Amino acid sequence: MAEQLRLDKLLADTGLWSRKEARDLIRRGQVTVDGAVVKQPEAKVDPASASLTAAGQPVRWQKYTYIMMNKPGGVLTATEDRRQPTVLDLLPPELRRKQLRPVGRLDKDTEGLLLLTDDGALAHRLLAPRSHVDKVYYAETEGTVDDGDVAAFAAGMTLEDGLVCQSAGLERLGPGRCLVTLREGKFHQVKRMLAARGKPVRYLRRRSMGPLTLDEGLAPGDWRSLTEAEVAVLRKEMDSCFRK
């Protein structure tokens, strides 16, 4: 049986209106379903098949929202903070009304790929240790990584404070530049591992997370919705991980 939603909830889920605003629109006769005016907020609608308009404009409903952001430095990976800007503050009001959450976190001064979604099941799978999702970071360091650093990362490291880091990839790109590939995401891990090898990080940007790669057309602070193909690839990879 097709999923049925209350009409006022369906409109509110788009983020364009609050639940109260949606009810007011409906009662004023400004909402149509398949060409017919509907004035009952509690009317049930199949969002997958119904054609909707509100205030004369077509309404597009989707169950979940997936946002790719190029997180800029100086912004917190959080949903709210009283003193500092967060990644949600970079979104327009209709998206801020949704229950979007960052998938994982990037340090305040770290830039790059950040996924935000209200699909809790997919977010859980992406972050679950058993998924072993590769996260690739571009780093600029004081000093240049060498063969010993590459070997230490590959073997896994135990830091001075006792933090145990699993095997990680380290690729040299040139003087003071490298790529780091992690399958876990412990606090400040890239910075702490490189610092432990005497190569403090001066700049850090996440390039990819699993099959999702940062759109290089996004300037820091910009965002876009994931394409249907990107969402499908994410779901397929997570399903594959959990079947292993």
Protein backbone atom coordinates (compact mmCIF):
# COMPACT_ATOMS: atom_id res chain seq x y z
CA MET A 1 0.00 0.00 0.00
CA ALA A 2 1.33 3.45 -0.98
CA GLU A 3 2.45 5.72 1.86
CA GLN A 4 -0.23 8.26 2.79
CA LEU A 5 0.60 11.54 4.53
CA ARG A 6 -1.55 14.29 5.96
CA LEU A 7 -1.61 17.18 3.53
CA ASP A 8 -0.44 19.74 6.10
CA LYS A 9 2.50 17.52 7.12
CA LEU A 10 3.46 16.94 3.51
CA LEU A 11 3.64 20.69 2.86
CA ALA A 12 5.53 21.33 6.10
CA ASP A 13 8.03 18.60 5.21
CA THR A 14 9.17 20.63 2.20
CA GLY A 15 10.55 23.24 4.61
CA LEU A 16 8.76 26.04 2.76
CA TRP A 17 6.09 26.46 5.42
CA SER A 18 5.58 25.70 9.08
CA ARG A 19 2.82 23.25 9.96
CA LYS A 20 0.57 26.18 10.98
CA GLU A 21 1.30 28.08 7.76
CA ALA A 22 0.52 24.94 5.75
CA ARG A 23 -2.84 24.51 7.52
CA ASP A 24 -3.72 28.15 6.85
CA LEU A 25 -2.91 27.79 3.14
CA ILE A 26 -5.08 24.69 2.89
CA ARG A 27 -8.06 26.21 4.71
CA ARG A 28 -7.90 29.29 2.46
CA GLY A 29 -8.30 27.04 -0.58
CA GLN A 30 -4.80 27.75 -1.89
CA VAL A 31 -3.73 24.11 -2.18
CA THR A 32 -4.71 21.69 -4.94
CA VAL A 33 -4.22 17.94 -5.17
CA ASP A 34 -4.37 16.52 -8.69
CA GLY A 35 -6.04 19.73 -9.86
CA ALA A 36 -8.76 19.81 -7.17
CA VAL A 37 -8.81 22.29 -4.28
CA VAL A 38 -8.53 20.55 -0.91
CA LYS A 39 -9.43 22.49 2.24
CA GLN A 40 -8.93 19.77 4.86
CA PRO A 41 -5.42 19.81 6.44
CA GLU A 42 -5.94 16.22 7.62
CA ALA A 43 -6.67 14.94 4.08
CA LYS A 44 -4.42 11.97 3.24
CA VAL A 45 -2.27 12.17 0.11
CA ASP A 46 0.11 9.78 -1.64
CA PRO A 47 3.20 12.01 -2.02
CA ALA A 48 4.77 9.72 -4.61
CA SER A 49 1.96 10.08 -7.12
CA ALA A 50 -0.07 13.19 -6.28
CA SER A 51 0.37 16.44 -8.22
CA LEU A 52 0.37 19.33 -5.75
CA THR A 53 0.29 23.10 -5.93
CA ALA A 54 0.33 25.64 -3.10
CA ALA A 55 -0.27 29.36 -3.59
CA GLY A 56 -0.23 28.70 -7.33
CA GLN A 57 3.19 27.05 -7.34
CA PRO A 58 3.99 23.36 -7.91
CA VAL A 59 5.18 21.54 -4.80
CA ARG A 60 7.90 18.92 -4.97
CA TRP A 61 8.02 16.51 -2.05
CA GLN A 62 10.84 14.12 -1.23
CA LYS A 63 11.10 11.81 1.73
CA TYR A 64 14.70 12.68 2.56
CA THR A 65 17.06 15.53 1.76
CA TYR A 66 20.74 15.06 0.98
CA ILE A 67 23.05 18.07 0.85
CA MET A 68 26.70 18.16 -0.22
CA MET A 69 28.52 21.14 1.28
CA ASN A 70 32.03 22.44 0.83
CA LYS A 71 32.50 23.36 4.48
CA PRO A 72 34.57 26.52 4.93
CA GLY A 73 37.04 27.10 7.72
CA GLY A 74 35.81 28.97 10.79
CA VAL A 75 32.41 27.26 10.87
CA LEU A 76 31.32 24.61 13.38
CA THR A 77 30.04 21.21 12.29
CA ALA A 78 26.99 21.46 14.52
CA THR A 79 23.26 22.08 14.29
CA GLU A 80 23.31 25.14 16.54
CA ASP A 81 25.61 27.25 18.65
CA ARG A 82 24.86 30.48 20.52
CA ARG A 83 28.23 32.08 19.89
CA GLN A 84 29.64 30.77 16.61
CA PRO A 85 28.27 30.11 13.10
CA THR A 86 27.42 26.53 12.20
CA VAL A 87 27.13 24.71 8.90
CA LEU A 88 23.32 24.91 9.13
CA ASP A 89 23.58 28.71 9.18
CA LEU A 90 24.93 28.48 5.61
CA LEU A 91 21.66 26.95 4.35
CA PRO A 92 18.50 28.82 3.27
CA PRO A 93 15.52 28.99 5.67
CA GLU A 94 13.55 26.18 4.01
CA LEU A 95 16.41 23.75 4.59
CA ARG A 96 17.12 25.00 8.10
CA ARG A 97 13.53 24.06 8.97
CA LYS A 98 14.24 20.44 8.12
CA GLN A 99 15.83 18.07 10.64
CA LEU A 100 19.14 17.97 8.78
CA ARG A 101 22.20 16.67 10.61
CA PRO A 102 25.86 16.58 9.57
CA VAL A 103 27.12 13.08 8.86
CA GLY A 104 30.26 12.98 10.98
CA ARG A 105 32.17 16.13 11.75
CA LEU A 106 34.99 18.29 10.47
CA ASP A 107 37.08 20.44 12.79
CA LYS A 108 36.29 24.15 12.85
CA ASP A 109 39.30 25.05 10.72
CA THR A 110 38.99 22.06 8.36
CA GLU A 111 37.39 22.54 4.96
CA GLY A 112 35.84 20.20 2.43
CA LEU A 113 33.19 17.59 1.89
CA LEU A 114 30.37 17.45 4.41
CA LEU A 115 27.13 15.54 3.93
CA LEU A 116 23.97 16.77 5.66
CA THR A 117 20.78 14.74 5.65
CA ASP A 118 17.62 13.85 7.53
CA ASP A 119 18.01 10.20 6.50
CA GLY A 120 19.10 8.85 9.87
CA ALA A 121 19.44 5.24 8.70
CA LEU A 122 21.86 6.14 5.90
CA ALA A 123 23.85 8.44 8.19
CA HIS A 124 24.17 5.65 10.77
CA ARG A 125 25.45 3.24 8.16
CA LEU A 126 28.01 5.71 6.82
CA LEU A 127 29.40 6.25 10.32
CA ALA A 128 29.17 2.67 11.62
CA PRO A 129 32.64 1.13 12.25
CA ARG A 130 31.70 -2.05 10.37
CA SER A 131 31.11 -0.04 7.19
CA HIS A 132 34.83 0.82 6.86
CA VAL A 133 34.03 3.91 4.80
CA ASP A 134 37.19 5.50 3.39
CA LYS A 135 37.58 9.22 4.07
CA VAL A 136 40.29 10.98 2.06
CA TYR A 137 41.90 14.24 3.20
CA TYR A 138 44.28 16.61 1.46
CA ALA A 139 46.80 18.03 3.92
CA GLU A 140 49.50 20.68 3.80
CA THR A 141 52.13 20.17 6.48
CA GLU A 142 55.22 21.65 8.01
CA GLY A 143 57.89 19.42 6.59
CA THR A 144 57.42 16.70 3.99
CA VAL A 145 56.25 13.16 4.72
CA ASP A 146 58.78 10.42 4.06
CA ASP A 147 58.90 6.64 3.70
CA GLY A 148 58.97 6.19 7.47
CA ASP A 149 55.75 8.19 7.84
CA VAL A 150 54.04 6.15 5.12
CA ALA A 151 55.08 2.92 6.83
CA ALA A 152 53.96 4.14 10.26
CA PHE A 153 50.52 5.07 8.95
CA ALA A 154 50.16 1.71 7.20
CA ALA A 155 51.13 -0.21 10.34
CA GLY A 156 48.75 1.70 12.59
CA MET A 157 49.86 4.06 15.33
CA THR A 158 49.45 4.43 19.08
CA LEU A 159 49.76 8.08 20.05
CA GLU A 160 51.39 9.38 23.23
CA ASP A 161 48.03 9.75 24.99
CA GLY A 162 47.21 6.11 24.27
CA LEU A 163 44.90 6.67 21.29
CA VAL A 164 45.11 3.64 19.02
CA CYS A 165 44.78 4.48 15.31
CA GLN A 166 44.07 1.79 12.76
CA SER A 167 46.06 1.35 9.57
CA ALA A 168 45.73 4.43 7.36
CA GLY A 169 46.86 5.46 3.91
CA LEU A 170 49.45 8.19 3.42
CA GLU A 171 50.37 9.36 -0.09
CA ARG A 172 53.07 11.92 -0.82
CA LEU A 173 52.11 14.63 -3.29
CA GLY A 174 55.18 16.81 -3.10
CA PRO A 175 56.94 19.12 -0.64
CA GLY A 176 54.62 19.73 2.32
CA ARG A 177 51.61 18.08 0.68
CA CYS A 178 49.98 14.66 1.13
CA LEU A 179 46.77 12.65 1.05
CA VAL A 180 45.55 10.77 4.12
CA THR A 181 42.96 7.97 3.91
CA LEU A 182 41.16 6.91 7.08
CA ARG A 183 38.55 4.27 7.80
CA GLU A 184 37.70 5.75 11.17
CA GLY A 185 37.17 9.27 12.45
CA LYS A 186 38.60 9.85 15.87
CA PHE A 187 38.97 13.33 17.35
CA HIS A 188 41.49 15.43 15.33
CA GLN A 189 42.88 12.14 14.02
CA VAL A 190 44.60 13.33 10.83
CA LYS A 191 46.21 16.25 12.63
CA ARG A 192 47.29 14.14 15.60
CA MET A 193 48.78 11.35 13.48
CA LEU A 194 50.78 13.74 11.31
CA ALA A 195 51.88 15.78 14.34
CA ALA A 196 53.09 12.57 15.99
CA ARG A 197 55.38 12.08 12.98
CA GLY A 198 56.72 15.63 13.28
CA LYS A 199 54.64 16.99 10.41
CA PRO A 200 52.08 19.43 11.92
CA VAL A 201 49.13 20.25 9.67
CA ARG A 202 48.83 23.78 8.29
CA TYR A 203 45.75 23.16 6.12
CA LEU A 204 43.27 20.29 5.85
CA ARG A 205 40.44 19.56 3.43
CA ARG A 206 38.29 16.44 3.09
CA ARG A 207 38.06 15.33 -0.53
CA SER A 208 35.81 12.29 -0.33
CA MET A 209 33.74 10.03 1.88
CA GLY A 210 33.05 6.57 0.52
CA PRO A 211 31.81 6.92 -3.08
CA LEU A 212 30.96 10.61 -2.57
CA THR A 213 33.57 13.08 -3.89
CA LEU A 214 33.52 16.81 -3.28
CA ASP A 215 32.18 18.76 -6.25
CA GLU A 216 35.11 21.01 -7.15
CA GLY A 217 32.63 23.54 -8.52
CA LEU A 218 31.51 24.32 -4.97
CA ALA A 219 33.37 27.21 -3.40
CA PRO A 220 33.89 27.08 0.39
CA GLY A 221 30.48 27.66 1.98
CA ASP A 222 28.55 26.58 -1.12
CA TRP A 223 26.27 23.54 -1.25
CA ARG A 224 24.06 21.55 -3.58
CA SER A 225 21.62 18.66 -3.38
CA LEU A 226 22.96 15.22 -4.18
CA THR A 227 21.88 13.85 -7.52
CA GLU A 228 19.66 10.78 -7.63
CA ALA A 229 22.65 8.84 -8.99
CA GLU A 230 24.85 9.89 -6.04
CA VAL A 231 22.18 8.85 -3.53
CA ALA A 232 21.74 5.51 -5.30
CA VAL A 233 25.49 4.81 -5.21
CA LEU A 234 25.64 5.69 -1.50
CA ARG A 235 22.75 3.38 -0.71
CA LYS A 236 24.20 0.55 -2.80
CA GLU A 237 27.60 0.79 -1.10
CA MET A 238 26.09 0.90 2.39
CA ASP A 239 23.87 -2.09 1.63
CA SER A 240 26.93 -3.96 0.39
CA CYS A 241 28.91 -3.13 3.54
CA PHE A 242 26.16 -4.39 5.84
CA ARG A 243 25.77 -7.65 3.90
CA LYS A 244 29.42 -8.58 4.44
